[in-house]
């Protein structure tokens, strides 16, 4: 009988890919991955350690899983991921429940770590290893909903003053185009219809190995993979957006007209304080270019409020920009002070109550914008990727080209015909909410939207 391994993966999509590769390594060596931690002899917690809330979630998850040593059959806990890398010694010293800690460069050693802890031994390893070869190993998709992430690079070179990722994940390292195409082909054979292209900064892809940003070349090759119908690109960085990239997206039949472009702020002064390249005018121009070239383009961005030194004028400029731009999707975050970053040393920290007030105001504005934009979709028909059924079992749930996985809500809909995850169906939108839509599947020649 196979030894069962429980796995908890926290944080971003890039972290999920790492967890799926570790799971693939273990299943290839006759271990069984279980979703029930009470049945697992070893539990792996792949952590996030990016901001304070993520660190707290990771610590809570470790302590929660440790209880299965008392109530289940768990013999050992293994901690991997960003928290493990960032607080390698601290975890060993302060969390005796943990039996193994693997740094970012040690994902390939997960098998050795599991074998050691099953013998009752400890396993602690954090050595500097900037290879991305482990990403070529086979993955075990935790859930096949017809969509999968394609991690095209690791690390980051941007050095934003608020961000600890470069010190945790290391420098930016791209994967070769041929390796990524091979992975995409393998995912297509597993029934994947949508590739979600991710990296810390996808626009920088290829600069380290090809001498220039090569995302357009990569997307052109992925566009040829049979079986893949949608390609969604996430985490674009403003200063590397080129006419060639916009042209590649606009001309492709598979690359969705969906732009995820985290800008963090619009104040040129504050962008410089953040060590973000480019100006507020540059950002406005980029958004205009996308919309002019692709009028149906859905735009998502991320914003930070309460960054050290953010004045009332900076905030009001951001507020006005949010109103005038009418983003389809916005993630708004309160500044998180991270040790080891330039921003954490600033004397101009914003009071929490001011940060909360600014956050609440922007969220209220965006919710109103999102609701009005969704109301404009009522009565229209969109191709929808089926993910499964709703928690109450009444509706199917899925996503259109306008909905990225995990961050943009769902389309809930009825269907007269049975559907499976990974199916694509036309859905007529009937009800709009701030984030979700409700509709009905149609099986006529009424047609679909462009994406």
Foldseek 3Di string as FASTA:
>chain_A
DAAEEEEAFDDDQVRVLLRQLLVLVVVVVRHHYDPDLLRHQEYEYAADDKFDVRVVVSVVVLVVSLCSVVVHNHQAYEYEYQCCQVCVPVCVVPPVSHQEGEAPQCSVCSVVQVVQVVVVHGYYDDDDDLDPVSSLGDGDDPAPLLEGEQEFWWADDQQFQQTCGCVRTPYIDGDDLVSSLVVLLVVLVVLRQEYEYDYQAQQQHPCVPPVGRCSLVSVVSNLPRPNHQAYEYEHHEQVSDDPSNLVSQLPGLHYFLEEEYADQFLQQVVCVVRSRDDHSVSVVVVLVVSCVSPVVRAYEYEYEFQQFPCDPVRLVVRLVCCLVSLHLYYHYYYRGHDPPGNSVPDPRGDDPVVSVVSRVVSVVSLLVSNQVVQVVQAQAKAKWQWRAADPVRPWTWTDGSNADPPGQEIETEEEPDDDDRSDIFIWHFHDTGSGYTYTYTDDDVPDHPSD
